[in-house]
Amino acid sequence: MTTNQIGASVRKARGQRSIREVAGAAGLSRHQVTSIEGATTNYTIGSLLALAKVVGLRLYISGEE
């Protein structure tokens, strides 16, 4: 998946919940969530995992060899 696709998936999964609500539950700032959804900056896998958990997404990480 591209960063744009990840951002779109997170945005869709967030639904009607506010960015502030989701960010607080994930332990992130509003800016971090906005950046992930907009694919405007790099983020850590830890931030993405925390956000995915809050919005109900599962992440599968495969090693490309």
PDB file of N, CA and C in Angstrom:
ATOM      1  N   MET A   1       0.835  -1.189   0.000  1.00  0.00           N
ATOM      2  CA  MET A   1       0.000   0.000   0.000  1.00  0.00           C
ATOM      3  C   MET A   1       0.872   1.242   0.000  1.00  0.00           C
ATOM      4  N   THR A   2       0.410   2.250  -0.646  1.00  0.00           N
ATOM      5  CA  THR A   2       1.110   3.527  -0.632  1.00  0.00           C
ATOM      6  C   THR A   2       0.678   4.333   0.593  1.00  0.00           C
ATOM      7  N   THR A   3       1.427   5.375   0.893  1.00  0.00           N
ATOM      8  CA  THR A   3       1.050   6.232   2.021  1.00  0.00           C
ATOM      9  C   THR A   3      -0.309   6.893   1.786  1.00  0.00           C
ATOM     10  N   ASN A   4      -0.620   7.210   0.537  1.00  0.00           N
ATOM     11  CA  ASN A   4      -1.934   7.785   0.223  1.00  0.00           C
ATOM     12  C   ASN A   4      -3.050   6.793   0.502  1.00  0.00           C
ATOM     13  N   GLN A   5      -2.835   5.530   0.157  1.00  0.00           N
ATOM     14  CA  GLN A   5      -3.835   4.502   0.400  1.00  0.00           C
ATOM     15  C   GLN A   5      -4.010   4.251   1.897  1.00  0.00           C
ATOM     16  N   ILE A   6      -2.915   4.266   2.633  1.00  0.00           N
ATOM     17  CA  ILE A   6      -2.987   4.093   4.081  1.00  0.00           C
ATOM     18  C   ILE A   6      -3.780   5.247   4.692  1.00  0.00           C
ATOM     19  N   GLY A   7      -3.468   6.448   4.284  1.00  0.00           N
ATOM     20  CA  GLY A   7      -4.178   7.621   4.801  1.00  0.00           C
ATOM     21  C   GLY A   7      -5.667   7.562   4.514  1.00  0.00           C
ATOM     22  N   ALA A   8      -6.021   7.164   3.296  1.00  0.00           N
ATOM     23  CA  ALA A   8      -7.434   7.062   2.922  1.00  0.00           C
ATOM     24  C   ALA A   8      -8.136   5.987   3.744  1.00  0.00           C
ATOM     25  N   SER A   9      -7.461   4.882   4.001  1.00  0.00           N
ATOM     26  CA  SER A   9      -8.041   3.804   4.810  1.00  0.00           C
ATOM     27  C   SER A   9      -8.282   4.258   6.239  1.00  0.00           C
ATOM     28  N   VAL A  10      -7.322   4.979   6.798  1.00  0.00           N
ATOM     29  CA  VAL A  10      -7.471   5.489   8.164  1.00  0.00           C
ATOM     30  C   VAL A  10      -8.621   6.485   8.222  1.00  0.00           C
ATOM     31  N   ARG A  11      -8.676   7.387   7.261  1.00  0.00           N
ATOM     32  CA  ARG A  11      -9.734   8.404   7.227  1.00  0.00           C
ATOM     33  C   ARG A  11     -11.109   7.742   7.145  1.00  0.00           C
ATOM     34  N   LYS A  12     -11.232   6.730   6.288  1.00  0.00           N
ATOM     35  CA  LYS A  12     -12.502   6.025   6.126  1.00  0.00           C
ATOM     36  C   LYS A  12     -12.873   5.292   7.413  1.00  0.00           C
ATOM     37  N   ALA A  13     -11.907   4.623   8.034  1.00  0.00           N
ATOM     38  CA  ALA A  13     -12.166   3.875   9.259  1.00  0.00           C
ATOM     39  C   ALA A  13     -12.509   4.799  10.422  1.00  0.00           C
ATOM     40  N   ARG A  14     -11.975   6.001  10.421  1.00  0.00           N
ATOM     41  CA  ARG A  14     -12.269   6.972  11.491  1.00  0.00           C
ATOM     42  C   ARG A  14     -13.735   7.355  11.469  1.00  0.00           C
ATOM     43  N   GLY A  15     -14.331   7.347  10.284  1.00  0.00           N
ATOM     44  CA  GLY A  15     -15.752   7.657  10.147  1.00  0.00           C
ATOM     45  C   GLY A  15     -16.090   9.049  10.620  1.00  0.00           C
ATOM     46  N   GLN A  16     -17.100   9.142  11.456  1.00  0.00           N
ATOM     47  CA  GLN A  16     -17.585  10.434  11.935  1.00  0.00           C
ATOM     48  C   GLN A  16     -16.865  10.912  13.195  1.00  0.00           C
ATOM     49  N   ARG A  17     -15.958  10.099  13.715  1.00  0.00           N
ATOM     50  CA  ARG A  17     -15.224  10.526  14.912  1.00  0.00           C
ATOM     51  C   ARG A  17     -14.282  11.664  14.551  1.00  0.00           C
ATOM     52  N   SER A  18     -14.101  12.574  15.472  1.00  0.00           N
ATOM     53  CA  SER A  18     -13.226  13.717  15.208  1.00  0.00           C
ATOM     54  C   SER A  18     -11.760  13.287  15.257  1.00  0.00           C
ATOM     55  N   ILE A  19     -10.939  14.050  14.584  1.00  0.00           N
ATOM     56  CA  ILE A  19      -9.504  13.799  14.614  1.00  0.00           C
ATOM     57  C   ILE A  19      -9.001  13.931  16.047  1.00  0.00           C
ATOM     58  N   ARG A  20      -9.489  14.910  16.770  1.00  0.00           N
ATOM     59  CA  ARG A  20      -9.074  15.126  18.158  1.00  0.00           C
ATOM     60  C   ARG A  20      -9.393  13.899  19.017  1.00  0.00           C
ATOM     61  N   GLU A  21     -10.588  13.343  18.855  1.00  0.00           N
ATOM     62  CA  GLU A  21     -11.002  12.171  19.628  1.00  0.00           C
ATOM     63  C   GLU A  21     -10.109  10.969  19.331  1.00  0.00           C
ATOM     64  N   VAL A  22      -9.885  10.711  18.055  1.00  0.00           N
ATOM     65  CA  VAL A  22      -9.081   9.558  17.645  1.00  0.00           C
ATOM     66  C   VAL A  22      -7.624   9.748  18.055  1.00  0.00           C
ATOM     67  N   ALA A  23      -7.119  10.949  17.875  1.00  0.00           N
ATOM     68  CA  ALA A  23      -5.729  11.227  18.247  1.00  0.00           C
ATOM     69  C   ALA A  23      -5.523  11.009  19.738  1.00  0.00           C
ATOM     70  N   GLY A  24      -6.439  11.513  20.553  1.00  0.00           N
ATOM     71  CA  GLY A  24      -6.321  11.345  22.000  1.00  0.00           C
ATOM     72  C   GLY A  24      -6.338   9.882  22.410  1.00  0.00           C
ATOM     73  N   ALA A  25      -7.224   9.117  21.805  1.00  0.00           N
ATOM     74  CA  ALA A  25      -7.327   7.693  22.135  1.00  0.00           C
ATOM     75  C   ALA A  25      -6.075   6.921  21.717  1.00  0.00           C
ATOM     76  N   ALA A  26      -5.427   7.389  20.653  1.00  0.00           N
ATOM     77  CA  ALA A  26      -4.213   6.728  20.160  1.00  0.00           C
ATOM     78  C   ALA A  26      -2.943   7.265  20.810  1.00  0.00           C
ATOM     79  N   GLY A  27      -3.068   8.325  21.598  1.00  0.00           N
ATOM     80  CA  GLY A  27      -1.893   8.928  22.220  1.00  0.00           C
ATOM     81  C   GLY A  27      -1.063   9.736  21.243  1.00  0.00           C
ATOM     82  N   LEU A  28      -1.723  10.275  20.229  1.00  0.00           N
ATOM     83  CA  LEU A  28      -1.054  11.064  19.194  1.00  0.00           C
ATOM     84  C   LEU A  28      -1.586  12.490  19.214  1.00  0.00           C
ATOM     85  N   SER A  29      -0.897  13.371  18.517  1.00  0.00           N
ATOM     86  CA  SER A  29      -1.394  14.738  18.363  1.00  0.00           C
ATOM     87  C   SER A  29      -2.341  14.797  17.163  1.00  0.00           C
ATOM     88  N   ARG A  30      -3.176  15.830  17.139  1.00  0.00           N
ATOM     89  CA  ARG A  30      -4.061  16.020  15.975  1.00  0.00           C
ATOM     90  C   ARG A  30      -3.231  16.151  14.710  1.00  0.00           C
ATOM     91  N   HIS A  31      -2.102  16.827  14.816  1.00  0.00           N
ATOM     92  CA  HIS A  31      -1.226  17.027  13.665  1.00  0.00           C
ATOM     93  C   HIS A  31      -0.737  15.688  13.111  1.00  0.00           C
ATOM     94  N   GLN A  32      -0.370  14.770  13.990  1.00  0.00           N
ATOM     95  CA  GLN A  32       0.104  13.463  13.534  1.00  0.00           C
ATOM     96  C   GLN A  32      -0.983  12.722  12.772  1.00  0.00           C
ATOM     97  N   VAL A  33      -2.203  12.728  13.283  1.00  0.00           N
ATOM     98  CA  VAL A  33      -3.305  12.035  12.610  1.00  0.00           C
ATOM     99  C   VAL A  33      -3.605  12.691  11.265  1.00  0.00           C
ATOM    100  N   THR A  34      -3.643  14.020  11.254  1.00  0.00           N
ATOM    101  CA  THR A  34      -3.879  14.740  10.006  1.00  0.00           C
ATOM    102  C   THR A  34      -2.793  14.421   8.983  1.00  0.00           C
ATOM    103  N   SER A  35      -1.566  14.343   9.427  1.00  0.00           N
ATOM    104  CA  SER A  35      -0.448  14.042   8.530  1.00  0.00           C
ATOM    105  C   SER A  35      -0.514  12.617   7.997  1.00  0.00           C
ATOM    106  N   ILE A  36      -0.918  11.678   8.826  1.00  0.00           N
ATOM    107  CA  ILE A  36      -1.056  10.295   8.365  1.00  0.00           C
ATOM    108  C   ILE A  36      -2.196  10.206   7.357  1.00  0.00           C
ATOM    109  N   GLU A  37      -3.328  10.801   7.674  1.00  0.00           N
ATOM    110  CA  GLU A  37      -4.469  10.752   6.763  1.00  0.00           C
ATOM    111  C   GLU A  37      -4.165  11.447   5.442  1.00  0.00           C
ATOM    112  N   GLY A  38      -3.421  12.527   5.502  1.00  0.00           N
ATOM    113  CA  GLY A  38      -3.103  13.283   4.292  1.00  0.00           C
ATOM    114  C   GLY A  38      -1.835  12.835   3.595  1.00  0.00           C
ATOM    115  N   ALA A  39      -1.140  11.875   4.187  1.00  0.00           N
ATOM    116  CA  ALA A  39       0.117  11.353   3.626  1.00  0.00           C
ATOM    117  C   ALA A  39       1.100  12.485   3.355  1.00  0.00           C
ATOM    118  N   THR A  40       1.179  13.419   4.310  1.00  0.00           N
ATOM    119  CA  THR A  40       2.041  14.584   4.093  1.00  0.00           C
ATOM    120  C   THR A  40       3.379  14.502   4.811  1.00  0.00           C
ATOM    121  N   THR A  41       3.554  13.493   5.639  1.00  0.00           N
ATOM    122  CA  THR A  41       4.816  13.360   6.356  1.00  0.00           C
ATOM    123  C   THR A  41       5.061  11.900   6.682  1.00  0.00           C
ATOM    124  N   ASN A  42       6.283  11.576   6.992  1.00  0.00           N
ATOM    125  CA  ASN A  42       6.597  10.217   7.423  1.00  0.00           C
ATOM    126  C   ASN A  42       6.119  10.023   8.849  1.00  0.00           C
ATOM    127  N   TYR A  43       5.828   8.802   9.207  1.00  0.00           N
ATOM    128  CA  TYR A  43       5.379   8.494  10.546  1.00  0.00           C
ATOM    129  C   TYR A  43       6.024   7.196  10.982  1.00  0.00           C
ATOM    130  N   THR A  44       6.029   6.973  12.283  1.00  0.00           N
ATOM    131  CA  THR A  44       6.636   5.746  12.781  1.00  0.00           C
ATOM    132  C   THR A  44       5.616   4.616  12.714  1.00  0.00           C
ATOM    133  N   ILE A  45       6.114   3.404  12.672  1.00  0.00           N
ATOM    134  CA  ILE A  45       5.222   2.255  12.665  1.00  0.00           C
ATOM    135  C   ILE A  45       4.437   2.201  13.975  1.00  0.00           C
ATOM    136  N   GLY A  46       5.045   2.650  15.061  1.00  0.00           N
ATOM    137  CA  GLY A  46       4.346   2.681  16.346  1.00  0.00           C
ATOM    138  C   GLY A  46       3.138   3.605  16.317  1.00  0.00           C
ATOM    139  N   SER A  47       3.307   4.777  15.711  1.00  0.00           N
ATOM    140  CA  SER A  47       2.185   5.717  15.584  1.00  0.00           C
ATOM    141  C   SER A  47       1.083   5.122  14.725  1.00  0.00           C
ATOM    142  N   LEU A  48       1.472   4.511  13.636  1.00  0.00           N
ATOM    143  CA  LEU A  48       0.491   3.917  12.739  1.00  0.00           C
ATOM    144  C   LEU A  48      -0.235   2.752  13.407  1.00  0.00           C
ATOM    145  N   LEU A  49       0.486   1.930  14.152  1.00  0.00           N
ATOM    146  CA  LEU A  49      -0.144   0.811  14.857  1.00  0.00           C
ATOM    147  C   LEU A  49      -1.144   1.303  15.904  1.00  0.00           C
ATOM    148  N   ALA A  50      -0.769   2.336  16.659  1.00  0.00           N
ATOM    149  CA  ALA A  50      -1.668   2.896  17.671  1.00  0.00           C
ATOM    150  C   ALA A  50      -2.932   3.449  17.028  1.00  0.00           C
ATOM    151  N   LEU A  51      -2.769   4.165  15.936  1.00  0.00           N
ATOM    152  CA  LEU A  51      -3.914   4.746  15.236  1.00  0.00           C
ATOM    153  C   LEU A  51      -4.798   3.656  14.633  1.00  0.00           C
ATOM    154  N   ALA A  52      -4.178   2.666  14.020  1.00  0.00           N
ATOM    155  CA  ALA A  52      -4.939   1.567  13.414  1.00  0.00           C
ATOM    156  C   ALA A  52      -5.774   0.845  14.463  1.00  0.00           C
ATOM    157  N   LYS A  53      -5.206   0.633  15.637  1.00  0.00           N
ATOM    158  CA  LYS A  53      -5.932  -0.047  16.704  1.00  0.00           C
ATOM    159  C   LYS A  53      -7.176   0.742  17.102  1.00  0.00           C
ATOM    160  N   VAL A  54      -7.032   2.044  17.234  1.00  0.00           N
ATOM    161  CA  VAL A  54      -8.150   2.894  17.658  1.00  0.00           C
ATOM    162  C   VAL A  54      -9.267   2.913  16.620  1.00  0.00           C
ATOM    163  N   VAL A  55      -8.919   2.942  15.340  1.00  0.00           N
ATOM    164  CA  VAL A  55      -9.959   3.020  14.306  1.00  0.00           C
ATOM    165  C   VAL A  55     -10.419   1.645  13.833  1.00  0.00           C
ATOM    166  N   GLY A  56      -9.805   0.579  14.371  1.00  0.00           N
ATOM    167  CA  GLY A  56     -10.264  -0.762  14.053  1.00  0.00           C
ATOM    168  C   GLY A  56      -9.688  -1.370  12.792  1.00  0.00           C
ATOM    169  N   LEU A  57      -8.506  -0.929  12.398  1.00  0.00           N
ATOM    170  CA  LEU A  57      -7.847  -1.508  11.230  1.00  0.00           C
ATOM    171  C   LEU A  57      -6.804  -2.517  11.675  1.00  0.00           C
ATOM    172  N   ARG A  58      -6.599  -3.522  10.861  1.00  0.00           N
ATOM    173  CA  ARG A  58      -5.524  -4.485  11.107  1.00  0.00           C
ATOM    174  C   ARG A  58      -4.419  -4.215  10.113  1.00  0.00           C
ATOM    175  N   LEU A  59      -3.214  -4.240  10.598  1.00  0.00           N
ATOM    176  CA  LEU A  59      -2.054  -4.043   9.722  1.00  0.00           C
ATOM    177  C   LEU A  59      -1.315  -5.361   9.581  1.00  0.00           C
ATOM    178  N   TYR A  60      -0.977  -5.660   8.373  1.00  0.00           N
ATOM    179  CA  TYR A  60      -0.148  -6.830   8.097  1.00  0.00           C
ATOM    180  C   TYR A  60       1.132  -6.325   7.492  1.00  0.00           C
ATOM    181  N   ILE A  61       2.224  -6.660   8.120  1.00  0.00           N
ATOM    182  CA  ILE A  61       3.518  -6.213   7.658  1.00  0.00           C
ATOM    183  C   ILE A  61       4.266  -7.433   7.121  1.00  0.00           C
ATOM    184  N   SER A  62       4.596  -7.352   5.864  1.00  0.00           N
ATOM    185  CA  SER A  62       5.320  -8.491   5.279  1.00  0.00           C
ATOM    186  C   SER A  62       6.710  -8.042   4.911  1.00  0.00           C
ATOM    187  N   GLY A  63       7.646  -8.952   5.047  1.00  0.00           N
ATOM    188  CA  GLY A  63       9.013  -8.657   4.652  1.00  0.00           C
ATOM    189  C   GLY A  63       9.168  -8.944   3.175  1.00  0.00           C
ATOM    190  N   GLU A  64       9.455  -7.917   2.419  1.00  0.00           N
ATOM    191  CA  GLU A  64       9.647  -8.090   0.978  1.00  0.00           C
ATOM    192  C   GLU A  64      11.110  -8.452   0.759  1.00  0.00           C
ATOM    193  N   GLU A  65      11.324  -9.638   0.263  1.00  0.00           N
ATOM    194  CA  GLU A  65      12.690 -10.106   0.057  1.00  0.00           C
ATOM    195  C   GLU A  65      12.938 -10.317  -1.403  1.00  0.00           C
TER     196      GLU A  65
END
